[in-house]
Amino acid sequence: ILGYVPLGFMLCLAHFRSGRGALWSALSTLVLASVLSYGLELLQFAVPSRIPSLSDWVLNSLGAAWGVLAALTLH
């Protein structure tokens, strides 16, 4: 969770800075962070000692959502 909080925060602020609205910034950040986390979980199939986990993906997405919430609060 803690690794994706700064990612969600910074991405959401970057979207704000580009002139997008709050809803668009929040949704696009959540989708991007979730897709990134899912892709990293899929890459773990290629590493012999790693096992992908659905809970890791969900918790990473939750961390990004907390970062987005922090950015919305700050905005």
PDB file of N, CA and C in Angstrom:
ATOM      1  N   ILE A   1       0.832  -1.186   0.000  1.00  0.00           N
ATOM      2  CA  ILE A   1       0.000   0.000   0.000  1.00  0.00           C
ATOM      3  C   ILE A   1       0.879   1.253   0.000  1.00  0.00           C
ATOM      4  N   LEU A   2       1.883   1.272   0.858  1.00  0.00           N
ATOM      5  CA  LEU A   2       2.679   2.485   1.035  1.00  0.00           C
ATOM      6  C   LEU A   2       3.482   2.856  -0.211  1.00  0.00           C
ATOM      7  N   GLY A   3       3.803   1.892  -1.049  1.00  0.00           N
ATOM      8  CA  GLY A   3       4.559   2.193  -2.257  1.00  0.00           C
ATOM      9  C   GLY A   3       3.734   2.919  -3.311  1.00  0.00           C
ATOM     10  N   TYR A   4       2.432   2.708  -3.300  1.00  0.00           N
ATOM     11  CA  TYR A   4       1.583   3.309  -4.324  1.00  0.00           C
ATOM     12  C   TYR A   4       0.905   4.600  -3.874  1.00  0.00           C
ATOM     13  N   VAL A   5       0.956   4.923  -2.599  1.00  0.00           N
ATOM     14  CA  VAL A   5       0.380   6.191  -2.128  1.00  0.00           C
ATOM     15  C   VAL A   5       1.079   7.379  -2.788  1.00  0.00           C
ATOM     16  N   PRO A   6       2.428   7.427  -2.781  1.00  0.00           N
ATOM     17  CA  PRO A   6       3.080   8.570  -3.446  1.00  0.00           C
ATOM     18  C   PRO A   6       2.831   8.591  -4.954  1.00  0.00           C
ATOM     19  N   LEU A   7       2.735   7.405  -5.555  1.00  0.00           N
ATOM     20  CA  LEU A   7       2.459   7.346  -6.991  1.00  0.00           C
ATOM     21  C   LEU A   7       1.098   7.950  -7.309  1.00  0.00           C
ATOM     22  N   GLY A   8       0.077   7.552  -6.576  1.00  0.00           N
ATOM     23  CA  GLY A   8      -1.255   8.107  -6.797  1.00  0.00           C
ATOM     24  C   GLY A   8      -1.309   9.600  -6.526  1.00  0.00           C
ATOM     25  N   PHE A   9      -0.613  10.035  -5.486  1.00  0.00           N
ATOM     26  CA  PHE A   9      -0.579  11.449  -5.133  1.00  0.00           C
ATOM     27  C   PHE A   9       0.066  12.273  -6.242  1.00  0.00           C
ATOM     28  N   MET A  10       1.248  11.827  -6.681  1.00  0.00           N
ATOM     29  CA  MET A  10       1.989  12.598  -7.694  1.00  0.00           C
ATOM     30  C   MET A  10       1.294  12.576  -9.056  1.00  0.00           C
ATOM     31  N   LEU A  11       0.764  11.431  -9.447  1.00  0.00           N
ATOM     32  CA  LEU A  11       0.061  11.367 -10.736  1.00  0.00           C
ATOM     33  C   LEU A  11      -1.181  12.257 -10.736  1.00  0.00           C
ATOM     34  N   CYS A  12      -1.909  12.229  -9.641  1.00  0.00           N
ATOM     35  CA  CYS A  12      -3.122  13.054  -9.573  1.00  0.00           C
ATOM     36  C   CYS A  12      -2.767  14.537  -9.606  1.00  0.00           C
ATOM     37  N   LEU A  13      -1.739  14.930  -8.873  1.00  0.00           N
ATOM     38  CA  LEU A  13      -1.315  16.335  -8.922  1.00  0.00           C
ATOM     39  C   LEU A  13      -0.807  16.716 -10.311  1.00  0.00           C
ATOM     40  N   ALA A  14      -0.155  15.782 -10.999  1.00  0.00           N
ATOM     41  CA  ALA A  14       0.306  16.062 -12.361  1.00  0.00           C
ATOM     42  C   ALA A  14      -0.884  16.282 -13.297  1.00  0.00           C
ATOM     43  N   HIS A  15      -1.946  15.499 -13.110  1.00  0.00           N
ATOM     44  CA  HIS A  15      -3.144  15.706 -13.926  1.00  0.00           C
ATOM     45  C   HIS A  15      -3.796  17.043 -13.602  1.00  0.00           C
ATOM     46  N   PHE A  16      -3.832  17.399 -12.320  1.00  0.00           N
ATOM     47  CA  PHE A  16      -4.364  18.715 -11.947  1.00  0.00           C
ATOM     48  C   PHE A  16      -3.576  19.821 -12.620  1.00  0.00           C
ATOM     49  N   ARG A  17      -2.269  19.687 -12.606  1.00  0.00           N
ATOM     50  CA  ARG A  17      -1.393  20.715 -13.146  1.00  0.00           C
ATOM     51  C   ARG A  17      -1.566  20.882 -14.654  1.00  0.00           C
ATOM     52  N   SER A  18      -1.978  19.801 -15.327  1.00  0.00           N
ATOM     53  CA  SER A  18      -2.181  19.897 -16.769  1.00  0.00           C
ATOM     54  C   SER A  18      -3.518  20.531 -17.127  1.00  0.00           C
ATOM     55  N   GLY A  19      -4.318  20.892 -16.119  1.00  0.00           N
ATOM     56  CA  GLY A  19      -5.555  21.619 -16.380  1.00  0.00           C
ATOM     57  C   GLY A  19      -6.804  20.760 -16.403  1.00  0.00           C
ATOM     58  N   ARG A  20      -6.672  19.510 -16.033  1.00  0.00           N
ATOM     59  CA  ARG A  20      -7.846  18.637 -16.032  1.00  0.00           C
ATOM     60  C   ARG A  20      -8.633  18.843 -14.741  1.00  0.00           C
ATOM     61  N   GLY A  21      -9.888  18.453 -14.779  1.00  0.00           N
ATOM     62  CA  GLY A  21     -10.743  18.585 -13.611  1.00  0.00           C
ATOM     63  C   GLY A  21     -10.453  17.525 -12.567  1.00  0.00           C
ATOM     64  N   ALA A  22     -11.081  17.683 -11.406  1.00  0.00           N
ATOM     65  CA  ALA A  22     -10.811  16.779 -10.284  1.00  0.00           C
ATOM     66  C   ALA A  22     -11.277  15.357 -10.586  1.00  0.00           C
ATOM     67  N   LEU A  23     -12.451  15.200 -11.154  1.00  0.00           N
ATOM     68  CA  LEU A  23     -12.971  13.862 -11.435  1.00  0.00           C
ATOM     69  C   LEU A  23     -12.114  13.150 -12.473  1.00  0.00           C
ATOM     70  N   TRP A  24     -11.782  13.847 -13.551  1.00  0.00           N
ATOM     71  CA  TRP A  24     -10.947  13.251 -14.592  1.00  0.00           C
ATOM     72  C   TRP A  24      -9.573  12.877 -14.042  1.00  0.00           C
ATOM     73  N   SER A  25      -8.991  13.745 -13.246  1.00  0.00           N
ATOM     74  CA  SER A  25      -7.674  13.484 -12.664  1.00  0.00           C
ATOM     75  C   SER A  25      -7.708  12.261 -11.763  1.00  0.00           C
ATOM     76  N   ALA A  26      -8.722  12.171 -10.932  1.00  0.00           N
ATOM     77  CA  ALA A  26      -8.826  11.052  -9.999  1.00  0.00           C
ATOM     78  C   ALA A  26      -9.037   9.731 -10.745  1.00  0.00           C
ATOM     79  N   LEU A  27      -9.960   9.717 -11.680  1.00  0.00           N
ATOM     80  CA  LEU A  27     -10.256   8.471 -12.396  1.00  0.00           C
ATOM     81  C   LEU A  27      -9.090   8.005 -13.264  1.00  0.00           C
ATOM     82  N   SER A  28      -8.476   8.920 -13.978  1.00  0.00           N
ATOM     83  CA  SER A  28      -7.367   8.521 -14.835  1.00  0.00           C
ATOM     84  C   SER A  28      -6.170   8.048 -14.015  1.00  0.00           C
ATOM     85  N   THR A  29      -5.940   8.654 -12.868  1.00  0.00           N
ATOM     86  CA  THR A  29      -4.851   8.215 -11.994  1.00  0.00           C
ATOM     87  C   THR A  29      -5.135   6.826 -11.444  1.00  0.00           C
ATOM     88  N   LEU A  30      -6.362   6.587 -11.011  1.00  0.00           N
ATOM     89  CA  LEU A  30      -6.709   5.272 -10.480  1.00  0.00           C
ATOM     90  C   LEU A  30      -6.591   4.181 -11.530  1.00  0.00           C
ATOM     91  N   VAL A  31      -7.035   4.474 -12.733  1.00  0.00           N
ATOM     92  CA  VAL A  31      -6.929   3.480 -13.811  1.00  0.00           C
ATOM     93  C   VAL A  31      -5.469   3.215 -14.159  1.00  0.00           C
ATOM     94  N   LEU A  32      -4.680   4.256 -14.291  1.00  0.00           N
ATOM     95  CA  LEU A  32      -3.273   4.097 -14.644  1.00  0.00           C
ATOM     96  C   LEU A  32      -2.507   3.321 -13.572  1.00  0.00           C
ATOM     97  N   ALA A  33      -2.715   3.658 -12.312  1.00  0.00           N
ATOM     98  CA  ALA A  33      -2.021   2.958 -11.231  1.00  0.00           C
ATOM     99  C   ALA A  33      -2.466   1.502 -11.134  1.00  0.00           C
ATOM    100  N   SER A  34      -3.739   1.250 -11.345  1.00  0.00           N
ATOM    101  CA  SER A  34      -4.244  -0.116 -11.298  1.00  0.00           C
ATOM    102  C   SER A  34      -3.695  -0.960 -12.446  1.00  0.00           C
ATOM    103  N   VAL A  35      -3.627  -0.377 -13.632  1.00  0.00           N
ATOM    104  CA  VAL A  35      -3.069  -1.090 -14.781  1.00  0.00           C
ATOM    105  C   VAL A  35      -1.576  -1.348 -14.576  1.00  0.00           C
ATOM    106  N   LEU A  36      -0.866  -0.397 -14.026  1.00  0.00           N
ATOM    107  CA  LEU A  36       0.556  -0.580 -13.734  1.00  0.00           C
ATOM    108  C   LEU A  36       0.761  -1.714 -12.731  1.00  0.00           C
ATOM    109  N   SER A  37      -0.020  -1.718 -11.682  1.00  0.00           N
ATOM    110  CA  SER A  37       0.091  -2.765 -10.673  1.00  0.00           C
ATOM    111  C   SER A  37      -0.249  -4.132 -11.258  1.00  0.00           C
ATOM    112  N   TYR A  38      -1.277  -4.196 -12.073  1.00  0.00           N
ATOM    113  CA  TYR A  38      -1.663  -5.453 -12.703  1.00  0.00           C
ATOM    114  C   TYR A  38      -0.563  -5.955 -13.636  1.00  0.00           C
ATOM    115  N   GLY A  39       0.022  -5.044 -14.390  1.00  0.00           N
ATOM    116  CA  GLY A  39       1.118  -5.422 -15.281  1.00  0.00           C
ATOM    117  C   GLY A  39       2.318  -5.954 -14.520  1.00  0.00           C
ATOM    118  N   LEU A  40       2.633  -5.332 -13.404  1.00  0.00           N
ATOM    119  CA  LEU A  40       3.749  -5.815 -12.597  1.00  0.00           C
ATOM    120  C   LEU A  40       3.444  -7.179 -11.985  1.00  0.00           C
ATOM    121  N   GLU A  41       2.200  -7.409 -11.621  1.00  0.00           N
ATOM    122  CA  GLU A  41       1.825  -8.736 -11.118  1.00  0.00           C
ATOM    123  C   GLU A  41       1.924  -9.783 -12.223  1.00  0.00           C
ATOM    124  N   LEU A  42       1.552  -9.414 -13.441  1.00  0.00           N
ATOM    125  CA  LEU A  42       1.678 -10.363 -14.558  1.00  0.00           C
ATOM    126  C   LEU A  42       3.132 -10.658 -14.882  1.00  0.00           C
ATOM    127  N   LEU A  43       4.006  -9.673 -14.734  1.00  0.00           N
ATOM    128  CA  LEU A  43       5.427  -9.892 -14.986  1.00  0.00           C
ATOM    129  C   LEU A  43       6.041 -10.886 -14.004  1.00  0.00           C
ATOM    130  N   GLN A  44       5.414 -11.072 -12.873  1.00  0.00           N
ATOM    131  CA  GLN A  44       5.945 -12.001 -11.893  1.00  0.00           C
ATOM    132  C   GLN A  44       5.836 -13.452 -12.351  1.00  0.00           C
ATOM    133  N   PHE A  45       5.031 -13.720 -13.371  1.00  0.00           N
ATOM    134  CA  PHE A  45       4.993 -15.067 -13.940  1.00  0.00           C
ATOM    135  C   PHE A  45       6.328 -15.422 -14.582  1.00  0.00           C
ATOM    136  N   ALA A  46       7.066 -14.422 -15.053  1.00  0.00           N
ATOM    137  CA  ALA A  46       8.336 -14.666 -15.737  1.00  0.00           C
ATOM    138  C   ALA A  46       9.495 -14.887 -14.765  1.00  0.00           C
ATOM    139  N   VAL A  47       9.318 -14.496 -13.510  1.00  0.00           N
ATOM    140  CA  VAL A  47      10.386 -14.656 -12.513  1.00  0.00           C
ATOM    141  C   VAL A  47      10.109 -15.943 -11.732  1.00  0.00           C
ATOM    142  N   PRO A  48      11.047 -16.886 -11.743  1.00  0.00           N
ATOM    143  CA  PRO A  48      10.778 -18.191 -11.135  1.00  0.00           C
ATOM    144  C   PRO A  48      10.458 -18.163  -9.634  1.00  0.00           C
ATOM    145  N   SER A  49      11.058 -17.277  -8.885  1.00  0.00           N
ATOM    146  CA  SER A  49      10.861 -17.301  -7.437  1.00  0.00           C
ATOM    147  C   SER A  49       9.702 -16.415  -6.967  1.00  0.00           C
ATOM    148  N   ARG A  50       9.006 -15.760  -7.873  1.00  0.00           N
ATOM    149  CA  ARG A  50       7.921 -14.850  -7.498  1.00  0.00           C
ATOM    150  C   ARG A  50       6.571 -15.455  -7.857  1.00  0.00           C
ATOM    151  N   ILE A  51       5.569 -15.144  -7.060  1.00  0.00           N
ATOM    152  CA  ILE A  51       4.210 -15.628  -7.296  1.00  0.00           C
ATOM    153  C   ILE A  51       3.285 -14.416  -7.325  1.00  0.00           C
ATOM    154  N   PRO A  52       2.563 -14.198  -8.430  1.00  0.00           N
ATOM    155  CA  PRO A  52       1.634 -13.066  -8.483  1.00  0.00           C
ATOM    156  C   PRO A  52       0.453 -13.297  -7.536  1.00  0.00           C
ATOM    157  N   SER A  53      -0.085 -12.199  -7.035  1.00  0.00           N
ATOM    158  CA  SER A  53      -1.156 -12.302  -6.046  1.00  0.00           C
ATOM    159  C   SER A  53      -2.236 -11.265  -6.334  1.00  0.00           C
ATOM    160  N   LEU A  54      -3.464 -11.703  -6.259  1.00  0.00           N
ATOM    161  CA  LEU A  54      -4.597 -10.800  -6.440  1.00  0.00           C
ATOM    162  C   LEU A  54      -4.649  -9.777  -5.304  1.00  0.00           C
ATOM    163  N   SER A  55      -4.314 -10.216  -4.097  1.00  0.00           N
ATOM    164  CA  SER A  55      -4.351  -9.281  -2.967  1.00  0.00           C
ATOM    165  C   SER A  55      -3.292  -8.190  -3.117  1.00  0.00           C
ATOM    166  N   ASP A  56      -2.137  -8.501  -3.691  1.00  0.00           N
ATOM    167  CA  ASP A  56      -1.129  -7.466  -3.943  1.00  0.00           C
ATOM    168  C   ASP A  56      -1.674  -6.413  -4.899  1.00  0.00           C
ATOM    169  N   TRP A  57      -2.333  -6.861  -5.950  1.00  0.00           N
ATOM    170  CA  TRP A  57      -2.901  -5.935  -6.930  1.00  0.00           C
ATOM    171  C   TRP A  57      -3.960  -5.035  -6.281  1.00  0.00           C
ATOM    172  N   VAL A  58      -4.824  -5.632  -5.479  1.00  0.00           N
ATOM    173  CA  VAL A  58      -5.888  -4.861  -4.829  1.00  0.00           C
ATOM    174  C   VAL A  58      -5.298  -3.866  -3.833  1.00  0.00           C
ATOM    175  N   LEU A  59      -4.317  -4.298  -3.048  1.00  0.00           N
ATOM    176  CA  LEU A  59      -3.722  -3.395  -2.057  1.00  0.00           C
ATOM    177  C   LEU A  59      -2.919  -2.286  -2.717  1.00  0.00           C
ATOM    178  N   ASN A  60      -2.246  -2.580  -3.821  1.00  0.00           N
ATOM    179  CA  ASN A  60      -1.538  -1.528  -4.558  1.00  0.00           C
ATOM    180  C   ASN A  60      -2.529  -0.497  -5.100  1.00  0.00           C
ATOM    181  N   SER A  61      -3.641  -0.975  -5.629  1.00  0.00           N
ATOM    182  CA  SER A  61      -4.669  -0.053  -6.137  1.00  0.00           C
ATOM    183  C   SER A  61      -5.277   0.766  -5.005  1.00  0.00           C
ATOM    184  N   LEU A  62      -5.445   0.151  -3.839  1.00  0.00           N
ATOM    185  CA  LEU A  62      -5.951   0.878  -2.681  1.00  0.00           C
ATOM    186  C   LEU A  62      -4.963   1.953  -2.242  1.00  0.00           C
ATOM    187  N   GLY A  63      -3.687   1.651  -2.283  1.00  0.00           N
ATOM    188  CA  GLY A  63      -2.676   2.649  -1.950  1.00  0.00           C
ATOM    189  C   GLY A  63      -2.722   3.831  -2.896  1.00  0.00           C
ATOM    190  N   ALA A  64      -2.885   3.553  -4.186  1.00  0.00           N
ATOM    191  CA  ALA A  64      -3.009   4.637  -5.161  1.00  0.00           C
ATOM    192  C   ALA A  64      -4.264   5.462  -4.897  1.00  0.00           C
ATOM    193  N   ALA A  65      -5.344   4.799  -4.495  1.00  0.00           N
ATOM    194  CA  ALA A  65      -6.583   5.522  -4.186  1.00  0.00           C
ATOM    195  C   ALA A  65      -6.391   6.439  -2.980  1.00  0.00           C
ATOM    196  N   TRP A  66      -5.624   5.998  -1.997  1.00  0.00           N
ATOM    197  CA  TRP A  66      -5.337   6.865  -0.849  1.00  0.00           C
ATOM    198  C   TRP A  66      -4.504   8.065  -1.272  1.00  0.00           C
ATOM    199  N   GLY A  67      -3.571   7.846  -2.186  1.00  0.00           N
ATOM    200  CA  GLY A  67      -2.784   8.961  -2.700  1.00  0.00           C
ATOM    201  C   GLY A  67      -3.646   9.955  -3.454  1.00  0.00           C
ATOM    202  N   VAL A  68      -4.581   9.443  -4.247  1.00  0.00           N
ATOM    203  CA  VAL A  68      -5.517  10.311  -4.976  1.00  0.00           C
ATOM    204  C   VAL A  68      -6.383  11.091  -3.987  1.00  0.00           C
ATOM    205  N   LEU A  69      -6.830  10.425  -2.952  1.00  0.00           N
ATOM    206  CA  LEU A  69      -7.640  11.104  -1.937  1.00  0.00           C
ATOM    207  C   LEU A  69      -6.848  12.215  -1.259  1.00  0.00           C
ATOM    208  N   ALA A  70      -5.589  11.969  -0.995  1.00  0.00           N
ATOM    209  CA  ALA A  70      -4.733  12.998  -0.394  1.00  0.00           C
ATOM    210  C   ALA A  70      -4.557  14.181  -1.354  1.00  0.00           C
ATOM    211  N   ALA A  71      -4.375  13.880  -2.648  1.00  0.00           N
ATOM    212  CA  ALA A  71      -4.221  14.951  -3.636  1.00  0.00           C
ATOM    213  C   ALA A  71      -5.517  15.749  -3.784  1.00  0.00           C
ATOM    214  N   LEU A  72      -6.644  15.080  -3.766  1.00  0.00           N
ATOM    215  CA  LEU A  72      -7.933  15.793  -3.844  1.00  0.00           C
ATOM    216  C   LEU A  72      -8.143  16.663  -2.625  1.00  0.00           C
ATOM    217  N   THR A  73      -7.737  16.167  -1.469  1.00  0.00           N
ATOM    218  CA  THR A  73      -7.862  16.948  -0.244  1.00  0.00           C
ATOM    219  C   THR A  73      -6.970  18.185  -0.300  1.00  0.00           C
ATOM    220  N   LEU A  74      -5.765  17.998  -0.786  1.00  0.00           N
ATOM    221  CA  LEU A  74      -4.836  19.117  -0.908  1.00  0.00           C
ATOM    222  C   LEU A  74      -5.320  20.143  -1.936  1.00  0.00           C
ATOM    223  N   HIS A  75      -5.910  19.645  -3.012  1.00  0.00           N
ATOM    224  CA  HIS A  75      -6.368  20.532  -4.082  1.00  0.00           C
ATOM    225  C   HIS A  75      -7.546  21.371  -3.585  1.00  0.00           C
TER     226      HIS A  75
END
